[in-house]
Amino acid sequence: MEDLSVGDSRLLDVDSRLVLPCSVNVRLCFTSADVIHRWALPSAGVKVDCVPGNLNSLVVNFPFVGLYYGQCSEICGANHRYMPILLEVTT
């Protein structure tokens, strides 16, 4: 816990955020290299399967600036419940 500063989120922060523009249609493509993953962003109502050999796509449009937290919601391997997703919507 000594690595956390005031305001940091434990098990929710990531090394690289996905940054998207506000109020713009963006097409996201999903696949996997190893096992089935489920890319879930509950605060945005998004859940997409990532299957090896398949390409799934989704068009999103975020009308509000902010941070959207999510996670891999599939039991796809050891410690995957700790695989966070952080999407940042900016102007």
PDB file of N, CA and C in Angstrom:
ATOM      1  N   MET A   1       0.816  -1.202   0.000  1.00  0.00           N
ATOM      2  CA  MET A   1       0.000   0.000   0.000  1.00  0.00           C
ATOM      3  C   MET A   1       0.855   1.259   0.000  1.00  0.00           C
ATOM      4  N   GLU A   2       2.143   1.136   0.296  1.00  0.00           N
ATOM      5  CA  GLU A   2       2.991   2.322   0.331  1.00  0.00           C
ATOM      6  C   GLU A   2       3.217   2.906  -1.069  1.00  0.00           C
ATOM      7  N   ASP A   3       2.897   2.148  -2.126  1.00  0.00           N
ATOM      8  CA  ASP A   3       3.055   2.650  -3.494  1.00  0.00           C
ATOM      9  C   ASP A   3       1.910   3.559  -3.913  1.00  0.00           C
ATOM     10  N   LEU A   4       0.813   3.560  -3.167  1.00  0.00           N
ATOM     11  CA  LEU A   4      -0.361   4.357  -3.519  1.00  0.00           C
ATOM     12  C   LEU A   4      -0.264   5.765  -2.954  1.00  0.00           C
ATOM     13  N   SER A   5      -0.672   6.715  -3.751  1.00  0.00           N
ATOM     14  CA  SER A   5      -0.780   8.101  -3.299  1.00  0.00           C
ATOM     15  C   SER A   5      -2.247   8.400  -3.029  1.00  0.00           C
ATOM     16  N   VAL A   6      -2.521   9.522  -2.388  1.00  0.00           N
ATOM     17  CA  VAL A   6      -3.903   9.924  -2.141  1.00  0.00           C
ATOM     18  C   VAL A   6      -4.607  10.118  -3.477  1.00  0.00           C
ATOM     19  N   GLY A   7      -5.761   9.491  -3.653  1.00  0.00           N
ATOM     20  CA  GLY A   7      -6.524   9.610  -4.887  1.00  0.00           C
ATOM     21  C   GLY A   7      -6.271   8.491  -5.883  1.00  0.00           C
ATOM     22  N   ASP A   8      -5.246   7.639  -5.663  1.00  0.00           N
ATOM     23  CA  ASP A   8      -4.983   6.511  -6.550  1.00  0.00           C
ATOM     24  C   ASP A   8      -6.012   5.410  -6.323  1.00  0.00           C
ATOM     25  N   SER A   9      -6.319   4.671  -7.373  1.00  0.00           N
ATOM     26  CA  SER A   9      -7.279   3.567  -7.284  1.00  0.00           C
ATOM     27  C   SER A   9      -6.523   2.247  -7.259  1.00  0.00           C
ATOM     28  N   ARG A  10      -6.747   1.454  -6.245  1.00  0.00           N
ATOM     29  CA  ARG A  10      -6.094   0.155  -6.144  1.00  0.00           C
ATOM     30  C   ARG A  10      -6.765  -0.841  -7.078  1.00  0.00           C
ATOM     31  N   LEU A  11      -5.978  -1.514  -7.895  1.00  0.00           N
ATOM     32  CA  LEU A  11      -6.407  -2.544  -8.846  1.00  0.00           C
ATOM     33  C   LEU A  11      -7.296  -1.999  -9.966  1.00  0.00           C
ATOM     34  N   LEU A  12      -7.403  -0.683 -10.121  1.00  0.00           N
ATOM     35  CA  LEU A  12      -8.202  -0.113 -11.198  1.00  0.00           C
ATOM     36  C   LEU A  12      -7.367   0.679 -12.196  1.00  0.00           C
ATOM     37  N   ASP A  13      -6.176   1.109 -11.802  1.00  0.00           N
ATOM     38  CA  ASP A  13      -5.352   1.910 -12.693  1.00  0.00           C
ATOM     39  C   ASP A  13      -4.564   1.002 -13.637  1.00  0.00           C
ATOM     40  N   VAL A  14      -4.174   1.542 -14.785  1.00  0.00           N
ATOM     41  CA  VAL A  14      -3.459   0.782 -15.812  1.00  0.00           C
ATOM     42  C   VAL A  14      -2.191   1.533 -16.209  1.00  0.00           C
ATOM     43  N   ASP A  15      -1.293   0.851 -16.896  1.00  0.00           N
ATOM     44  CA  ASP A  15      -0.076   1.485 -17.394  1.00  0.00           C
ATOM     45  C   ASP A  15      -0.367   2.374 -18.598  1.00  0.00           C
ATOM     46  N   SER A  16      -1.272   1.932 -19.469  1.00  0.00           N
ATOM     47  CA  SER A  16      -1.617   2.684 -20.685  1.00  0.00           C
ATOM     48  C   SER A  16      -3.134   2.792 -20.806  1.00  0.00           C
ATOM     49  N   ARG A  17      -3.633   4.004 -20.766  1.00  0.00           N
ATOM     50  CA  ARG A  17      -5.076   4.229 -20.914  1.00  0.00           C
ATOM     51  C   ARG A  17      -5.460   4.230 -22.388  1.00  0.00           C
ATOM     52  N   LEU A  18      -6.685   3.799 -22.667  1.00  0.00           N
ATOM     53  CA  LEU A  18      -7.256   3.974 -23.991  1.00  0.00           C
ATOM     54  C   LEU A  18      -7.892   5.356 -24.000  1.00  0.00           C
ATOM     55  N   VAL A  19      -7.412   6.246 -24.874  1.00  0.00           N
ATOM     56  CA  VAL A  19      -7.897   7.625 -24.926  1.00  0.00           C
ATOM     57  C   VAL A  19      -8.730   7.795 -26.193  1.00  0.00           C
ATOM     58  N   LEU A  20      -9.984   8.244 -26.023  1.00  0.00           N
ATOM     59  CA  LEU A  20     -10.899   8.448 -27.141  1.00  0.00           C
ATOM     60  C   LEU A  20     -11.452   9.866 -27.099  1.00  0.00           C
ATOM     61  N   PRO A  21     -11.810  10.415 -28.270  1.00  0.00           N
ATOM     62  CA  PRO A  21     -12.407  11.756 -28.299  1.00  0.00           C
ATOM     63  C   PRO A  21     -13.876  11.728 -27.888  1.00  0.00           C
ATOM     64  N   CYS A  22     -14.332  12.848 -27.362  1.00  0.00           N
ATOM     65  CA  CYS A  22     -15.717  12.995 -26.933  1.00  0.00           C
ATOM     66  C   CYS A  22     -16.615  13.283 -28.132  1.00  0.00           C
ATOM     67  N   SER A  23     -17.805  12.709 -28.147  1.00  0.00           N
ATOM     68  CA  SER A  23     -18.847  12.953 -29.157  1.00  0.00           C
ATOM     69  C   SER A  23     -18.398  12.652 -30.582  1.00  0.00           C
ATOM     70  N   VAL A  24     -17.622  11.586 -30.748  1.00  0.00           N
ATOM     71  CA  VAL A  24     -17.173  11.141 -32.075  1.00  0.00           C
ATOM     72  C   VAL A  24     -17.428   9.640 -32.163  1.00  0.00           C
ATOM     73  N   ASN A  25     -17.976   9.165 -33.286  1.00  0.00           N
ATOM     74  CA  ASN A  25     -18.158   7.733 -33.482  1.00  0.00           C
ATOM     75  C   ASN A  25     -16.791   7.084 -33.692  1.00  0.00           C
ATOM     76  N   VAL A  26     -16.494   6.065 -32.885  1.00  0.00           N
ATOM     77  CA  VAL A  26     -15.220   5.355 -32.962  1.00  0.00           C
ATOM     78  C   VAL A  26     -15.520   3.869 -33.088  1.00  0.00           C
ATOM     79  N   ARG A  27     -14.862   3.219 -34.041  1.00  0.00           N
ATOM     80  CA  ARG A  27     -15.031   1.777 -34.210  1.00  0.00           C
ATOM     81  C   ARG A  27     -13.878   1.074 -33.507  1.00  0.00           C
ATOM     82  N   LEU A  28     -14.214   0.195 -32.570  1.00  0.00           N
ATOM     83  CA  LEU A  28     -13.236  -0.594 -31.841  1.00  0.00           C
ATOM     84  C   LEU A  28     -13.280  -2.027 -32.362  1.00  0.00           C
ATOM     85  N   CYS A  29     -12.113  -2.621 -32.598  1.00  0.00           N
ATOM     86  CA  CYS A  29     -12.020  -4.006 -33.058  1.00  0.00           C
ATOM     87  C   CYS A  29     -11.386  -4.844 -31.958  1.00  0.00           C
ATOM     88  N   PHE A  30     -11.922  -6.039 -31.738  1.00  0.00           N
ATOM     89  CA  PHE A  30     -11.495  -6.905 -30.639  1.00  0.00           C
ATOM     90  C   PHE A  30     -11.144  -8.288 -31.165  1.00  0.00           C
ATOM     91  N   THR A  31     -10.041  -8.834 -30.672  1.00  0.00           N
ATOM     92  CA  THR A  31      -9.656 -10.213 -30.914  1.00  0.00           C
ATOM     93  C   THR A  31      -8.772 -10.654 -29.755  1.00  0.00           C
ATOM     94  N   SER A  32      -8.302 -11.875 -29.784  1.00  0.00           N
ATOM     95  CA  SER A  32      -7.452 -12.392 -28.716  1.00  0.00           C
ATOM     96  C   SER A  32      -6.364 -13.261 -29.332  1.00  0.00           C
ATOM     97  N   ALA A  33      -5.256 -13.371 -28.638  1.00  0.00           N
ATOM     98  CA  ALA A  33      -4.159 -14.199 -29.118  1.00  0.00           C
ATOM     99  C   ALA A  33      -4.081 -15.539 -28.394  1.00  0.00           C
ATOM    100  N   ASP A  34      -4.761 -15.662 -27.242  1.00  0.00           N
ATOM    101  CA  ASP A  34      -4.587 -16.883 -26.471  1.00  0.00           C
ATOM    102  C   ASP A  34      -5.904 -17.569 -26.096  1.00  0.00           C
ATOM    103  N   VAL A  35      -6.716 -16.945 -25.267  1.00  0.00           N
ATOM    104  CA  VAL A  35      -7.972 -17.535 -24.789  1.00  0.00           C
ATOM    105  C   VAL A  35      -9.101 -16.528 -24.970  1.00  0.00           C
ATOM    106  N   ILE A  36     -10.317 -16.935 -24.647  1.00  0.00           N
ATOM    107  CA  ILE A  36     -11.463 -16.032 -24.737  1.00  0.00           C
ATOM    108  C   ILE A  36     -11.386 -15.014 -23.598  1.00  0.00           C
ATOM    109  N   HIS A  37     -11.467 -13.751 -23.945  1.00  0.00           N
ATOM    110  CA  HIS A  37     -11.541 -12.669 -22.971  1.00  0.00           C
ATOM    111  C   HIS A  37     -12.885 -11.970 -23.154  1.00  0.00           C
ATOM    112  N   ARG A  38     -13.319 -11.251 -22.153  1.00  0.00           N
ATOM    113  CA  ARG A  38     -14.545 -10.465 -22.260  1.00  0.00           C
ATOM    114  C   ARG A  38     -14.216  -9.051 -21.804  1.00  0.00           C
ATOM    115  N   TRP A  39     -14.172  -8.124 -22.768  1.00  0.00           N
ATOM    116  CA  TRP A  39     -13.822  -6.726 -22.528  1.00  0.00           C
ATOM    117  C   TRP A  39     -15.085  -6.042 -22.022  1.00  0.00           C
ATOM    118  N   ALA A  40     -15.110  -5.714 -20.724  1.00  0.00           N
ATOM    119  CA  ALA A  40     -16.322  -5.171 -20.114  1.00  0.00           C
ATOM    120  C   ALA A  40     -16.066  -3.771 -19.573  1.00  0.00           C
ATOM    121  N   LEU A  41     -16.963  -2.867 -19.917  1.00  0.00           N
ATOM    122  CA  LEU A  41     -16.940  -1.488 -19.437  1.00  0.00           C
ATOM    123  C   LEU A  41     -18.339  -1.197 -18.895  1.00  0.00           C
ATOM    124  N   PRO A  42     -18.649  -1.630 -17.664  1.00  0.00           N
ATOM    125  CA  PRO A  42     -20.014  -1.539 -17.138  1.00  0.00           C
ATOM    126  C   PRO A  42     -20.591  -0.129 -17.100  1.00  0.00           C
ATOM    127  N   SER A  43     -19.762   0.872 -16.811  1.00  0.00           N
ATOM    128  CA  SER A  43     -20.280   2.241 -16.713  1.00  0.00           C
ATOM    129  C   SER A  43     -20.739   2.778 -18.066  1.00  0.00           C
ATOM    130  N   ALA A  44     -20.303   2.149 -19.155  1.00  0.00           N
ATOM    131  CA  ALA A  44     -20.736   2.554 -20.495  1.00  0.00           C
ATOM    132  C   ALA A  44     -21.702   1.544 -21.110  1.00  0.00           C
ATOM    133  N   GLY A  45     -21.995   0.461 -20.397  1.00  0.00           N
ATOM    134  CA  GLY A  45     -22.907  -0.554 -20.914  1.00  0.00           C
ATOM    135  C   GLY A  45     -22.317  -1.351 -22.060  1.00  0.00           C
ATOM    136  N   VAL A  46     -21.011  -1.608 -22.024  1.00  0.00           N
ATOM    137  CA  VAL A  46     -20.315  -2.301 -23.103  1.00  0.00           C
ATOM    138  C   VAL A  46     -19.726  -3.601 -22.583  1.00  0.00           C
ATOM    139  N   LYS A  47     -19.955  -4.682 -23.321  1.00  0.00           N
ATOM    140  CA  LYS A  47     -19.331  -5.974 -23.016  1.00  0.00           C
ATOM    141  C   LYS A  47     -19.151  -6.707 -24.343  1.00  0.00           C
ATOM    142  N   VAL A  48     -17.895  -7.018 -24.693  1.00  0.00           N
ATOM    143  CA  VAL A  48     -17.583  -7.631 -25.979  1.00  0.00           C
ATOM    144  C   VAL A  48     -16.680  -8.835 -25.753  1.00  0.00           C
ATOM    145  N   ASP A  49     -16.966  -9.947 -26.437  1.00  0.00           N
ATOM    146  CA  ASP A  49     -16.107 -11.122 -26.370  1.00  0.00           C
ATOM    147  C   ASP A  49     -14.917 -10.951 -27.298  1.00  0.00           C
ATOM    148  N   CYS A  50     -13.748 -11.362 -26.829  1.00  0.00           N
ATOM    149  CA  CYS A  50     -12.522 -11.358 -27.626  1.00  0.00           C
ATOM    150  C   CYS A  50     -12.122 -12.816 -27.808  1.00  0.00           C
ATOM    151  N   VAL A  51     -12.315 -13.348 -29.011  1.00  0.00           N
ATOM    152  CA  VAL A  51     -12.140 -14.766 -29.284  1.00  0.00           C
ATOM    153  C   VAL A  51     -10.963 -14.954 -30.250  1.00  0.00           C
ATOM    154  N   PRO A  52     -10.055 -15.885 -29.965  1.00  0.00           N
ATOM    155  CA  PRO A  52      -8.954 -16.132 -30.892  1.00  0.00           C
ATOM    156  C   PRO A  52      -9.477 -16.531 -32.278  1.00  0.00           C
ATOM    157  N   GLY A  53      -8.957 -15.912 -33.313  1.00  0.00           N
ATOM    158  CA  GLY A  53      -9.363 -16.233 -34.686  1.00  0.00           C
ATOM    159  C   GLY A  53     -10.576 -15.470 -35.169  1.00  0.00           C
ATOM    160  N   ASN A  54     -11.267 -14.742 -34.311  1.00  0.00           N
ATOM    161  CA  ASN A  54     -12.440 -13.954 -34.698  1.00  0.00           C
ATOM    162  C   ASN A  54     -12.154 -12.480 -34.483  1.00  0.00           C
ATOM    163  N   LEU A  55     -12.801 -11.645 -35.276  1.00  0.00           N
ATOM    164  CA  LEU A  55     -12.675 -10.205 -35.123  1.00  0.00           C
ATOM    165  C   LEU A  55     -14.066  -9.642 -34.844  1.00  0.00           C
ATOM    166  N   ASN A  56     -14.270  -9.139 -33.636  1.00  0.00           N
ATOM    167  CA  ASN A  56     -15.527  -8.496 -33.261  1.00  0.00           C
ATOM    168  C   ASN A  56     -15.315  -6.991 -33.277  1.00  0.00           C
ATOM    169  N   SER A  57     -16.325  -6.257 -33.718  1.00  0.00           N
ATOM    170  CA  SER A  57     -16.194  -4.802 -33.731  1.00  0.00           C
ATOM    171  C   SER A  57     -17.406  -4.172 -33.068  1.00  0.00           C
ATOM    172  N   LEU A  58     -17.206  -2.930 -32.639  1.00  0.00           N
ATOM    173  CA  LEU A  58     -18.227  -2.198 -31.908  1.00  0.00           C
ATOM    174  C   LEU A  58     -18.035  -0.713 -32.195  1.00  0.00           C
ATOM    175  N   VAL A  59     -19.112  -0.002 -32.464  1.00  0.00           N
ATOM    176  CA  VAL A  59     -19.046   1.445 -32.649  1.00  0.00           C
ATOM    177  C   VAL A  59     -19.541   2.095 -31.365  1.00  0.00           C
ATOM    178  N   VAL A  60     -18.715   2.996 -30.814  1.00  0.00           N
ATOM    179  CA  VAL A  60     -19.062   3.682 -29.575  1.00  0.00           C
ATOM    180  C   VAL A  60     -19.018   5.186 -29.794  1.00  0.00           C
ATOM    181  N   ASN A  61     -19.793   5.896 -28.985  1.00  0.00           N
ATOM    182  CA  ASN A  61     -19.804   7.358 -28.994  1.00  0.00           C
ATOM    183  C   ASN A  61     -20.043   7.785 -27.550  1.00  0.00           C
ATOM    184  N   PHE A  62     -19.026   8.385 -26.944  1.00  0.00           N
ATOM    185  CA  PHE A  62     -19.128   8.811 -25.556  1.00  0.00           C
ATOM    186  C   PHE A  62     -19.452  10.300 -25.519  1.00  0.00           C
ATOM    187  N   PRO A  63     -20.639  10.676 -25.044  1.00  0.00           N
ATOM    188  CA  PRO A  63     -21.044  12.090 -25.045  1.00  0.00           C
ATOM    189  C   PRO A  63     -20.458  12.901 -23.892  1.00  0.00           C
ATOM    190  N   PHE A  64     -19.867  12.233 -22.900  1.00  0.00           N
ATOM    191  CA  PHE A  64     -19.359  12.935 -21.725  1.00  0.00           C
ATOM    192  C   PHE A  64     -17.869  12.682 -21.543  1.00  0.00           C
ATOM    193  N   VAL A  65     -17.145  13.714 -21.167  1.00  0.00           N
ATOM    194  CA  VAL A  65     -15.725  13.608 -20.842  1.00  0.00           C
ATOM    195  C   VAL A  65     -15.591  12.933 -19.477  1.00  0.00           C
ATOM    196  N   GLY A  66     -14.601  12.049 -19.340  1.00  0.00           N
ATOM    197  CA  GLY A  66     -14.380  11.409 -18.051  1.00  0.00           C
ATOM    198  C   GLY A  66     -13.598  10.126 -18.162  1.00  0.00           C
ATOM    199  N   LEU A  67     -13.514   9.412 -17.047  1.00  0.00           N
ATOM    200  CA  LEU A  67     -12.839   8.129 -16.972  1.00  0.00           C
ATOM    201  C   LEU A  67     -13.879   7.022 -16.848  1.00  0.00           C
ATOM    202  N   TYR A  68     -13.696   5.960 -17.613  1.00  0.00           N
ATOM    203  CA  TYR A  68     -14.590   4.808 -17.589  1.00  0.00           C
ATOM    204  C   TYR A  68     -13.756   3.592 -17.192  1.00  0.00           C
ATOM    205  N   TYR A  69     -14.112   2.955 -16.087  1.00  0.00           N
ATOM    206  CA  TYR A  69     -13.370   1.810 -15.572  1.00  0.00           C
ATOM    207  C   TYR A  69     -14.059   0.519 -15.970  1.00  0.00           C
ATOM    208  N   GLY A  70     -13.259  -0.494 -16.273  1.00  0.00           N
ATOM    209  CA  GLY A  70     -13.791  -1.800 -16.627  1.00  0.00           C
ATOM    210  C   GLY A  70     -12.800  -2.890 -16.265  1.00  0.00           C
ATOM    211  N   GLN A  71     -13.071  -4.120 -16.740  1.00  0.00           N
ATOM    212  CA  GLN A  71     -12.209  -5.251 -16.449  1.00  0.00           C
ATOM    213  C   GLN A  71     -12.502  -6.382 -17.414  1.00  0.00           C
ATOM    214  N   CYS A  72     -11.610  -7.373 -17.429  1.00  0.00           N
ATOM    215  CA  CYS A  72     -11.895  -8.609 -18.150  1.00  0.00           C
ATOM    216  C   CYS A  72     -12.860  -9.387 -17.268  1.00  0.00           C
ATOM    217  N   SER A  73     -14.039  -9.672 -17.775  1.00  0.00           N
ATOM    218  CA  SER A  73     -15.058 -10.314 -16.945  1.00  0.00           C
ATOM    219  C   SER A  73     -15.257 -11.790 -17.289  1.00  0.00           C
ATOM    220  N   GLU A  74     -14.276 -12.399 -17.926  1.00  0.00           N
ATOM    221  CA  GLU A  74     -14.322 -13.825 -18.258  1.00  0.00           C
ATOM    222  C   GLU A  74     -13.291 -14.536 -17.390  1.00  0.00           C
ATOM    223  N   ILE A  75     -13.603 -15.731 -16.932  1.00  0.00           N
ATOM    224  CA  ILE A  75     -12.624 -16.513 -16.181  1.00  0.00           C
ATOM    225  C   ILE A  75     -11.726 -17.188 -17.216  1.00  0.00           C
ATOM    226  N   CYS A  76     -10.693 -16.446 -17.639  1.00  0.00           N
ATOM    227  CA  CYS A  76      -9.870 -16.888 -18.764  1.00  0.00           C
ATOM    228  C   CYS A  76      -8.453 -17.248 -18.349  1.00  0.00           C
ATOM    229  N   GLY A  77      -8.140 -17.142 -17.082  1.00  0.00           N
ATOM    230  CA  GLY A  77      -6.805 -17.488 -16.631  1.00  0.00           C
ATOM    231  C   GLY A  77      -6.565 -16.999 -15.214  1.00  0.00           C
ATOM    232  N   ALA A  78      -5.433 -17.394 -14.664  1.00  0.00           N
ATOM    233  CA  ALA A  78      -5.089 -16.993 -13.303  1.00  0.00           C
ATOM    234  C   ALA A  78      -4.887 -15.485 -13.232  1.00  0.00           C
ATOM    235  N   ASN A  79      -5.489 -14.865 -12.224  1.00  0.00           N
ATOM    236  CA  ASN A  79      -5.367 -13.428 -11.951  1.00  0.00           C
ATOM    237  C   ASN A  79      -5.957 -12.522 -13.030  1.00  0.00           C
ATOM    238  N   HIS A  80      -6.778 -13.031 -13.918  1.00  0.00           N
ATOM    239  CA  HIS A  80      -7.388 -12.169 -14.924  1.00  0.00           C
ATOM    240  C   HIS A  80      -8.480 -11.290 -14.332  1.00  0.00           C
ATOM    241  N   ARG A  81      -8.966 -11.642 -13.158  1.00  0.00           N
ATOM    242  CA  ARG A  81      -9.941 -10.751 -12.524  1.00  0.00           C
ATOM    243  C   ARG A  81      -9.275  -9.454 -12.101  1.00  0.00           C
ATOM    244  N   TYR A  82      -7.946  -9.416 -12.120  1.00  0.00           N
ATOM    245  CA  TYR A  82      -7.207  -8.199 -11.798  1.00  0.00           C
ATOM    246  C   TYR A  82      -6.729  -7.475 -13.052  1.00  0.00           C
ATOM    247  N   MET A  83      -7.270  -7.824 -14.222  1.00  0.00           N
ATOM    248  CA  MET A  83      -6.869  -7.183 -15.472  1.00  0.00           C
ATOM    249  C   MET A  83      -7.810  -5.999 -15.736  1.00  0.00           C
ATOM    250  N   PRO A  84      -7.405  -4.801 -15.332  1.00  0.00           N
ATOM    251  CA  PRO A  84      -8.289  -3.640 -15.454  1.00  0.00           C
ATOM    252  C   PRO A  84      -8.267  -3.020 -16.842  1.00  0.00           C
ATOM    253  N   ILE A  85      -9.304  -2.252 -17.136  1.00  0.00           N
ATOM    254  CA  ILE A  85      -9.431  -1.468 -18.354  1.00  0.00           C
ATOM    255  C   ILE A  85      -9.758  -0.040 -17.916  1.00  0.00           C
ATOM    256  N   LEU A  86      -9.059   0.921 -18.491  1.00  0.00           N
ATOM    257  CA  LEU A  86      -9.332   2.318 -18.177  1.00  0.00           C
ATOM    258  C   LEU A  86      -9.416   3.110 -19.475  1.00  0.00           C
ATOM    259  N   LEU A  87     -10.584   3.635 -19.743  1.00  0.00           N
ATOM    260  CA  LEU A  87     -10.839   4.417 -20.939  1.00  0.00           C
ATOM    261  C   LEU A  87     -10.999   5.870 -20.545  1.00  0.00           C
ATOM    262  N   GLU A  88     -10.243   6.750 -21.188  1.00  0.00           N
ATOM    263  CA  GLU A  88     -10.314   8.183 -20.907  1.00  0.00           C
ATOM    264  C   GLU A  88     -10.931   8.897 -22.109  1.00  0.00           C
ATOM    265  N   VAL A  89     -12.015   9.596 -21.881  1.00  0.00           N
ATOM    266  CA  VAL A  89     -12.682  10.368 -22.932  1.00  0.00           C
ATOM    267  C   VAL A  89     -12.317  11.839 -22.736  1.00  0.00           C
ATOM    268  N   THR A  90     -11.741  12.432 -23.798  1.00  0.00           N
ATOM    269  CA  THR A  90     -11.293  13.822 -23.733  1.00  0.00           C
ATOM    270  C   THR A  90     -11.888  14.628 -24.880  1.00  0.00           C
ATOM    271  N   THR A  91     -11.787  15.952 -24.769  1.00  0.00           N
ATOM    272  CA  THR A  91     -12.275  16.821 -25.850  1.00  0.00           C
ATOM    273  C   THR A  91     -11.253  16.915 -26.968  1.00  0.00           C
TER     274      THR A  91
END
